[in-house]
Structures are given as C-alpha cells and as structure tokens.
Amino acid sequence: MVKVLILVCALSLPKAECQPETARAVVRGPEAGNATTCMFRGQAFLAGSAIRVGRNEWVKVLCQRTEIKGNVG
C-alpha cells in the first residue's frame, strides 16, 4: 500500500525541500495501491476537500510506501 500525503508549502520553498517537516500544512489522504493511483487519489482528495491554497503557496502530493517486502530480521 501507498500512503498519500498532501503538502501545502510556501511558494518560496524549493520543490525538493517541500517535505512533511517543512510544509505549512500536511493532510493525510486515502491509501492507494500504487504510485499512480496515489497521485490520482491525492489530487481528487484535494479537489473535493475544504483545503485552500493561498496565492503564496503550492501543493505537493507525496506518496510513501507503507509495506516492507521480504523477510525482516
């Protein structure tokens, strides 16, 4: 599974530095089965939500894998 995070970052923040720790707001979206679905679900979730993005902000959809494959330990 893939965790969907929607980050609202300052326009002055470089894209590479827009992370959960530096974002102005972080919203967890619905889980997805893969990265492509994550992007679609993240955008759809944002469009249907009450999240407002200011003139000096931009949005980044971050997809993080939540499962570990193989043997651990």
PDB file of N, CA and C in Angstrom:
ATOM      1  N   MET A   1       0.844  -1.192   0.000  1.00  0.00           N
ATOM      2  CA  MET A   1       0.000   0.000   0.000  1.00  0.00           C
ATOM      3  C   MET A   1       0.882   1.246   0.000  1.00  0.00           C
ATOM      4  N   VAL A   2       0.269   2.333  -0.431  1.00  0.00           N
ATOM      5  CA  VAL A   2       0.970   3.612  -0.514  1.00  0.00           C
ATOM      6  C   VAL A   2       0.175   4.650   0.282  1.00  0.00           C
ATOM      7  N   LYS A   3       0.860   5.359   1.167  1.00  0.00           N
ATOM      8  CA  LYS A   3       0.250   6.413   1.968  1.00  0.00           C
ATOM      9  C   LYS A   3       0.269   7.704   1.150  1.00  0.00           C
ATOM     10  N   VAL A   4      -0.856   8.411   1.121  1.00  0.00           N
ATOM     11  CA  VAL A   4      -0.983   9.664   0.381  1.00  0.00           C
ATOM     12  C   VAL A   4      -0.891  10.826   1.361  1.00  0.00           C
ATOM     13  N   LEU A   5       0.083  11.695   1.155  1.00  0.00           N
ATOM     14  CA  LEU A   5       0.213  12.914   1.948  1.00  0.00           C
ATOM     15  C   LEU A   5       0.099  14.111   1.023  1.00  0.00           C
ATOM     16  N   ILE A   6      -0.709  15.069   1.408  1.00  0.00           N
ATOM     17  CA  ILE A   6      -0.868  16.294   0.633  1.00  0.00           C
ATOM     18  C   ILE A   6      -0.184  17.402   1.425  1.00  0.00           C
ATOM     19  N   LEU A   7       0.826  17.989   0.832  1.00  0.00           N
ATOM     20  CA  LEU A   7       1.622  19.026   1.493  1.00  0.00           C
ATOM     21  C   LEU A   7       1.297  20.388   0.897  1.00  0.00           C
ATOM     22  N   VAL A   8       1.103  21.367   1.734  1.00  0.00           N
ATOM     23  CA  VAL A   8       0.935  22.753   1.295  1.00  0.00           C
ATOM     24  C   VAL A   8       2.191  23.484   1.731  1.00  0.00           C
ATOM     25  N   CYS A   9       2.955  23.950   0.752  1.00  0.00           N
ATOM     26  CA  CYS A   9       4.248  24.575   1.043  1.00  0.00           C
ATOM     27  C   CYS A   9       4.276  26.023   0.566  1.00  0.00           C
ATOM     28  N   ALA A  10       5.170  26.794   1.163  1.00  0.00           N
ATOM     29  CA  ALA A  10       5.366  28.182   0.766  1.00  0.00           C
ATOM     30  C   ALA A  10       5.936  28.221  -0.649  1.00  0.00           C
ATOM     31  N   LEU A  11       5.474  29.176  -1.427  1.00  0.00           N
ATOM     32  CA  LEU A  11       5.945  29.327  -2.800  1.00  0.00           C
ATOM     33  C   LEU A  11       7.451  29.570  -2.851  1.00  0.00           C
ATOM     34  N   SER A  12       8.000  30.172  -1.811  1.00  0.00           N
ATOM     35  CA  SER A  12       9.433  30.463  -1.760  1.00  0.00           C
ATOM     36  C   SER A  12      10.279  29.228  -1.441  1.00  0.00           C
ATOM     37  N   LEU A  13       9.632  28.132  -1.011  1.00  0.00           N
ATOM     38  CA  LEU A  13      10.354  26.914  -0.648  1.00  0.00           C
ATOM     39  C   LEU A  13      10.678  26.102  -1.903  1.00  0.00           C
ATOM     40  N   PRO A  14      11.946  25.744  -2.139  1.00  0.00           N
ATOM     41  CA  PRO A  14      12.283  24.916  -3.302  1.00  0.00           C
ATOM     42  C   PRO A  14      11.533  23.584  -3.267  1.00  0.00           C
ATOM     43  N   LYS A  15      11.174  23.082  -4.428  1.00  0.00           N
ATOM     44  CA  LYS A  15      10.383  21.849  -4.523  1.00  0.00           C
ATOM     45  C   LYS A  15      11.011  20.690  -3.762  1.00  0.00           C
ATOM     46  N   ALA A  16      12.302  20.528  -3.862  1.00  0.00           N
ATOM     47  CA  ALA A  16      12.980  19.415  -3.187  1.00  0.00           C
ATOM     48  C   ALA A  16      12.892  19.518  -1.666  1.00  0.00           C
ATOM     49  N   GLU A  17      12.724  20.729  -1.156  1.00  0.00           N
ATOM     50  CA  GLU A  17      12.666  20.931   0.288  1.00  0.00           C
ATOM     51  C   GLU A  17      11.251  20.885   0.864  1.00  0.00           C
ATOM     52  N   CYS A  18      10.255  20.733   0.005  1.00  0.00           N
ATOM     53  CA  CYS A  18       8.871  20.617   0.477  1.00  0.00           C
ATOM     54  C   CYS A  18       8.662  19.191   0.979  1.00  0.00           C
ATOM     55  N   GLN A  19       8.718  19.029   2.280  1.00  0.00           N
ATOM     56  CA  GLN A  19       8.592  17.739   2.954  1.00  0.00           C
ATOM     57  C   GLN A  19       7.611  17.912   4.116  1.00  0.00           C
ATOM     58  N   PRO A  20       7.136  16.826   4.707  1.00  0.00           N
ATOM     59  CA  PRO A  20       6.208  16.974   5.841  1.00  0.00           C
ATOM     60  C   PRO A  20       6.739  17.871   6.962  1.00  0.00           C
ATOM     61  N   GLU A  21       8.040  17.863   7.171  1.00  0.00           N
ATOM     62  CA  GLU A  21       8.629  18.666   8.243  1.00  0.00           C
ATOM     63  C   GLU A  21       8.653  20.157   7.925  1.00  0.00           C
ATOM     64  N   THR A  22       8.638  20.529   6.634  1.00  0.00           N
ATOM     65  CA  THR A  22       8.757  21.933   6.242  1.00  0.00           C
ATOM     66  C   THR A  22       7.473  22.519   5.682  1.00  0.00           C
ATOM     67  N   ALA A  23       6.464  21.700   5.478  1.00  0.00           N
ATOM     68  CA  ALA A  23       5.207  22.161   4.888  1.00  0.00           C
ATOM     69  C   ALA A  23       4.416  23.013   5.887  1.00  0.00           C
ATOM     70  N   ARG A  24       3.629  23.932   5.352  1.00  0.00           N
ATOM     71  CA  ARG A  24       2.748  24.751   6.195  1.00  0.00           C
ATOM     72  C   ARG A  24       1.583  23.916   6.706  1.00  0.00           C
ATOM     73  N   ALA A  25       1.167  22.939   5.890  1.00  0.00           N
ATOM     74  CA  ALA A  25       0.078  22.044   6.286  1.00  0.00           C
ATOM     75  C   ALA A  25       0.324  20.671   5.674  1.00  0.00           C
ATOM     76  N   VAL A  26      -0.044  19.632   6.397  1.00  0.00           N
ATOM     77  CA  VAL A  26       0.070  18.253   5.926  1.00  0.00           C
ATOM     78  C   VAL A  26      -1.276  17.572   6.162  1.00  0.00           C
ATOM     79  N   VAL A  27      -1.842  17.016   5.094  1.00  0.00           N
ATOM     80  CA  VAL A  27      -3.120  16.325   5.193  1.00  0.00           C
ATOM     81  C   VAL A  27      -2.926  14.911   4.673  1.00  0.00           C
ATOM     82  N   ARG A  28      -3.385  13.944   5.441  1.00  0.00           N
ATOM     83  CA  ARG A  28      -3.279  12.556   5.003  1.00  0.00           C
ATOM     84  C   ARG A  28      -4.498  12.204   4.159  1.00  0.00           C
ATOM     85  N   GLY A  29      -4.244  11.733   2.957  1.00  0.00           N
ATOM     86  CA  GLY A  29      -5.320  11.330   2.056  1.00  0.00           C
ATOM     87  C   GLY A  29      -5.580   9.839   2.166  1.00  0.00           C
ATOM     88  N   PRO A  30      -6.450   9.310   1.303  1.00  0.00           N
ATOM     89  CA  PRO A  30      -6.766   7.880   1.330  1.00  0.00           C
ATOM     90  C   PRO A  30      -5.590   7.052   0.835  1.00  0.00           C
ATOM     91  N   GLU A  31      -5.432   5.840   1.360  1.00  0.00           N
ATOM     92  CA  GLU A  31      -4.348   4.972   0.894  1.00  0.00           C
ATOM     93  C   GLU A  31      -4.600   4.547  -0.548  1.00  0.00           C
ATOM     94  N   ALA A  32      -3.540   4.185  -1.224  1.00  0.00           N
ATOM     95  CA  ALA A  32      -3.624   3.773  -2.619  1.00  0.00           C
ATOM     96  C   ALA A  32      -2.825   2.490  -2.815  1.00  0.00           C
ATOM     97  N   GLY A  33      -3.080   1.816  -3.912  1.00  0.00           N
ATOM     98  CA  GLY A  33      -2.405   0.560  -4.195  1.00  0.00           C
ATOM     99  C   GLY A  33      -1.045   0.726  -4.842  1.00  0.00           C
ATOM    100  N   ASN A  34      -0.834   1.850  -5.544  1.00  0.00           N
ATOM    101  CA  ASN A  34       0.450   2.095  -6.206  1.00  0.00           C
ATOM    102  C   ASN A  34       0.656   3.596  -6.372  1.00  0.00           C
ATOM    103  N   ALA A  35       1.818   3.978  -6.896  1.00  0.00           N
ATOM    104  CA  ALA A  35       2.169   5.399  -7.002  1.00  0.00           C
ATOM    105  C   ALA A  35       1.244   6.162  -7.947  1.00  0.00           C
ATOM    106  N   THR A  36       0.839   5.544  -9.047  1.00  0.00           N
ATOM    107  CA  THR A  36      -0.046   6.220  -9.993  1.00  0.00           C
ATOM    108  C   THR A  36      -1.396   6.506  -9.351  1.00  0.00           C
ATOM    109  N   THR A  37      -1.954   5.513  -8.696  1.00  0.00           N
ATOM    110  CA  THR A  37      -3.227   5.694  -8.002  1.00  0.00           C
ATOM    111  C   THR A  37      -3.082   6.723  -6.888  1.00  0.00           C
ATOM    112  N   CYS A  38      -1.947   6.743  -6.243  1.00  0.00           N
ATOM    113  CA  CYS A  38      -1.680   7.717  -5.186  1.00  0.00           C
ATOM    114  C   CYS A  38      -1.813   9.142  -5.720  1.00  0.00           C
ATOM    115  N   MET A  39      -1.224   9.400  -6.860  1.00  0.00           N
ATOM    116  CA  MET A  39      -1.273  10.744  -7.438  1.00  0.00           C
ATOM    117  C   MET A  39      -2.716  11.132  -7.783  1.00  0.00           C
ATOM    118  N   PHE A  40      -3.444  10.216  -8.410  1.00  0.00           N
ATOM    119  CA  PHE A  40      -4.834  10.495  -8.766  1.00  0.00           C
ATOM    120  C   PHE A  40      -5.689  10.723  -7.518  1.00  0.00           C
ATOM    121  N   ARG A  41      -5.537   9.850  -6.525  1.00  0.00           N
ATOM    122  CA  ARG A  41      -6.334   9.981  -5.301  1.00  0.00           C
ATOM    123  C   ARG A  41      -5.974  11.250  -4.541  1.00  0.00           C
ATOM    124  N   GLY A  42      -4.698  11.584  -4.518  1.00  0.00           N
ATOM    125  CA  GLY A  42      -4.275  12.806  -3.841  1.00  0.00           C
ATOM    126  C   GLY A  42      -4.887  14.042  -4.467  1.00  0.00           C
ATOM    127  N   GLN A  43      -4.868  14.110  -5.792  1.00  0.00           N
ATOM    128  CA  GLN A  43      -5.441  15.257  -6.497  1.00  0.00           C
ATOM    129  C   GLN A  43      -6.955  15.312  -6.325  1.00  0.00           C
ATOM    130  N   ALA A  44      -7.619  14.147  -6.420  1.00  0.00           N
ATOM    131  CA  ALA A  44      -9.074  14.098  -6.263  1.00  0.00           C
ATOM    132  C   ALA A  44      -9.468  14.471  -4.832  1.00  0.00           C
ATOM    133  N   PHE A  45      -8.710  13.985  -3.856  1.00  0.00           N
ATOM    134  CA  PHE A  45      -8.988  14.300  -2.460  1.00  0.00           C
ATOM    135  C   PHE A  45      -8.864  15.803  -2.231  1.00  0.00           C
ATOM    136  N   LEU A  46      -7.817  16.402  -2.769  1.00  0.00           N
ATOM    137  CA  LEU A  46      -7.604  17.839  -2.622  1.00  0.00           C
ATOM    138  C   LEU A  46      -8.745  18.625  -3.273  1.00  0.00           C
ATOM    139  N   ALA A  47      -9.162  18.210  -4.463  1.00  0.00           N
ATOM    140  CA  ALA A  47     -10.226  18.917  -5.180  1.00  0.00           C
ATOM    141  C   ALA A  47     -11.553  18.858  -4.431  1.00  0.00           C
ATOM    142  N   GLY A  48     -11.820  17.760  -3.740  1.00  0.00           N
ATOM    143  CA  GLY A  48     -13.075  17.600  -3.035  1.00  0.00           C
ATOM    144  C   GLY A  48     -13.042  18.034  -1.583  1.00  0.00           C
ATOM    145  N   SER A  49     -11.931  18.597  -1.151  1.00  0.00           N
ATOM    146  CA  SER A  49     -11.782  18.964   0.257  1.00  0.00           C
ATOM    147  C   SER A  49     -11.973  20.471   0.463  1.00  0.00           C
ATOM    148  N   ALA A  50     -11.914  20.865   1.710  1.00  0.00           N
ATOM    149  CA  ALA A  50     -12.016  22.281   2.072  1.00  0.00           C
ATOM    150  C   ALA A  50     -10.637  22.929   2.182  1.00  0.00           C
ATOM    151  N   ILE A  51      -9.601  22.212   1.754  1.00  0.00           N
ATOM    152  CA  ILE A  51      -8.243  22.759   1.832  1.00  0.00           C
ATOM    153  C   ILE A  51      -8.130  23.912   0.841  1.00  0.00           C
ATOM    154  N   ARG A  52      -7.686  25.048   1.333  1.00  0.00           N
ATOM    155  CA  ARG A  52      -7.499  26.220   0.485  1.00  0.00           C
ATOM    156  C   ARG A  52      -6.012  26.527   0.383  1.00  0.00           C
ATOM    157  N   VAL A  53      -5.601  26.791  -0.833  1.00  0.00           N
ATOM    158  CA  VAL A  53      -4.196  27.098  -1.100  1.00  0.00           C
ATOM    159  C   VAL A  53      -4.101  28.587  -1.416  1.00  0.00           C
ATOM    160  N   GLY A  54      -3.271  29.273  -0.647  1.00  0.00           N
ATOM    161  CA  GLY A  54      -3.117  30.714  -0.826  1.00  0.00           C
ATOM    162  C   GLY A  54      -2.289  31.072  -2.051  1.00  0.00           C
ATOM    163  N   ARG A  55      -2.244  32.340  -2.340  1.00  0.00           N
ATOM    164  CA  ARG A  55      -1.506  32.840  -3.508  1.00  0.00           C
ATOM    165  C   ARG A  55      -0.007  32.566  -3.399  1.00  0.00           C
ATOM    166  N   ASN A  56       0.498  32.486  -2.180  1.00  0.00           N
ATOM    167  CA  ASN A  56       1.923  32.272  -1.957  1.00  0.00           C
ATOM    168  C   ASN A  56       2.225  30.849  -1.518  1.00  0.00           C
ATOM    169  N   GLU A  57       1.359  29.904  -1.920  1.00  0.00           N
ATOM    170  CA  GLU A  57       1.526  28.501  -1.554  1.00  0.00           C
ATOM    171  C   GLU A  57       1.361  27.611  -2.784  1.00  0.00           C
ATOM    172  N   TRP A  58       1.865  26.414  -2.683  1.00  0.00           N
ATOM    173  CA  TRP A  58       1.672  25.413  -3.725  1.00  0.00           C
ATOM    174  C   TRP A  58       1.502  24.059  -3.063  1.00  0.00           C
ATOM    175  N   VAL A  59       1.004  23.092  -3.829  1.00  0.00           N
ATOM    176  CA  VAL A  59       0.655  21.776  -3.287  1.00  0.00           C
ATOM    177  C   VAL A  59       1.550  20.703  -3.881  1.00  0.00           C
ATOM    178  N   LYS A  60       1.946  19.778  -3.034  1.00  0.00           N
ATOM    179  CA  LYS A  60       2.725  18.617  -3.466  1.00  0.00           C
ATOM    180  C   LYS A  60       2.032  17.372  -2.925  1.00  0.00           C
ATOM    181  N   VAL A  61       1.809  16.388  -3.801  1.00  0.00           N
ATOM    182  CA  VAL A  61       1.273  15.104  -3.365  1.00  0.00           C
ATOM    183  C   VAL A  61       2.461  14.176  -3.181  1.00  0.00           C
ATOM    184  N   LEU A  62       2.615  13.659  -1.975  1.00  0.00           N
ATOM    185  CA  LEU A  62       3.735  12.790  -1.633  1.00  0.00           C
ATOM    186  C   LEU A  62       3.211  11.373  -1.420  1.00  0.00           C
ATOM    187  N   CYS A  63       3.826  10.414  -2.088  1.00  0.00           N
ATOM    188  CA  CYS A  63       3.412   9.011  -1.985  1.00  0.00           C
ATOM    189  C   CYS A  63       4.504   8.232  -1.260  1.00  0.00           C
ATOM    190  N   GLN A  64       4.135   7.590  -0.150  1.00  0.00           N
ATOM    191  CA  GLN A  64       5.102   6.829   0.642  1.00  0.00           C
ATOM    192  C   GLN A  64       4.626   5.391   0.786  1.00  0.00           C
ATOM    193  N   ARG A  65       5.494   4.455   0.403  1.00  0.00           N
ATOM    194  CA  ARG A  65       5.166   3.028   0.532  1.00  0.00           C
ATOM    195  C   ARG A  65       5.058   2.673   2.010  1.00  0.00           C
ATOM    196  N   THR A  66       4.032   1.881   2.361  1.00  0.00           N
ATOM    197  CA  THR A  66       3.801   1.549   3.769  1.00  0.00           C
ATOM    198  C   THR A  66       4.088   0.094   4.087  1.00  0.00           C
ATOM    199  N   GLU A  67       4.441  -0.716   3.121  1.00  0.00           N
ATOM    200  CA  GLU A  67       4.714  -2.138   3.393  1.00  0.00           C
ATOM    201  C   GLU A  67       6.175  -2.465   3.147  1.00  0.00           C
ATOM    202  N   ILE A  68       6.644  -3.478   3.827  1.00  0.00           N
ATOM    203  CA  ILE A  68       8.022  -3.949   3.648  1.00  0.00           C
ATOM    204  C   ILE A  68       7.959  -5.321   2.988  1.00  0.00           C
ATOM    205  N   LYS A  69       8.683  -5.468   1.895  1.00  0.00           N
ATOM    206  CA  LYS A  69       8.691  -6.750   1.203  1.00  0.00           C
ATOM    207  C   LYS A  69       9.879  -7.577   1.651  1.00  0.00           C
ATOM    208  N   GLY A  70       9.686  -8.891   1.706  1.00  0.00           N
ATOM    209  CA  GLY A  70      10.762  -9.804   2.074  1.00  0.00           C
ATOM    210  C   GLY A  70      10.796 -10.046   3.570  1.00  0.00           C
ATOM    211  N   ASN A  71      11.798 -10.784   3.990  1.00  0.00           N
ATOM    212  CA  ASN A  71      11.962 -11.136   5.407  1.00  0.00           C
ATOM    213  C   ASN A  71      12.687 -10.026   6.144  1.00  0.00           C
ATOM    214  N   VAL A  72      12.249  -9.782   7.351  1.00  0.00           N
ATOM    215  CA  VAL A  72      12.885  -8.769   8.186  1.00  0.00           C
ATOM    216  C   VAL A  72      13.461  -9.449   9.416  1.00  0.00           C
ATOM    217  N   GLY A  73      14.695  -9.105   9.746  1.00  0.00           N
ATOM    218  CA  GLY A  73      15.289  -9.598  10.964  1.00  0.00           C
ATOM    219  C   GLY A  73      16.041 -10.846  10.768  1.00  0.00           C
TER     220      GLY A  73
END
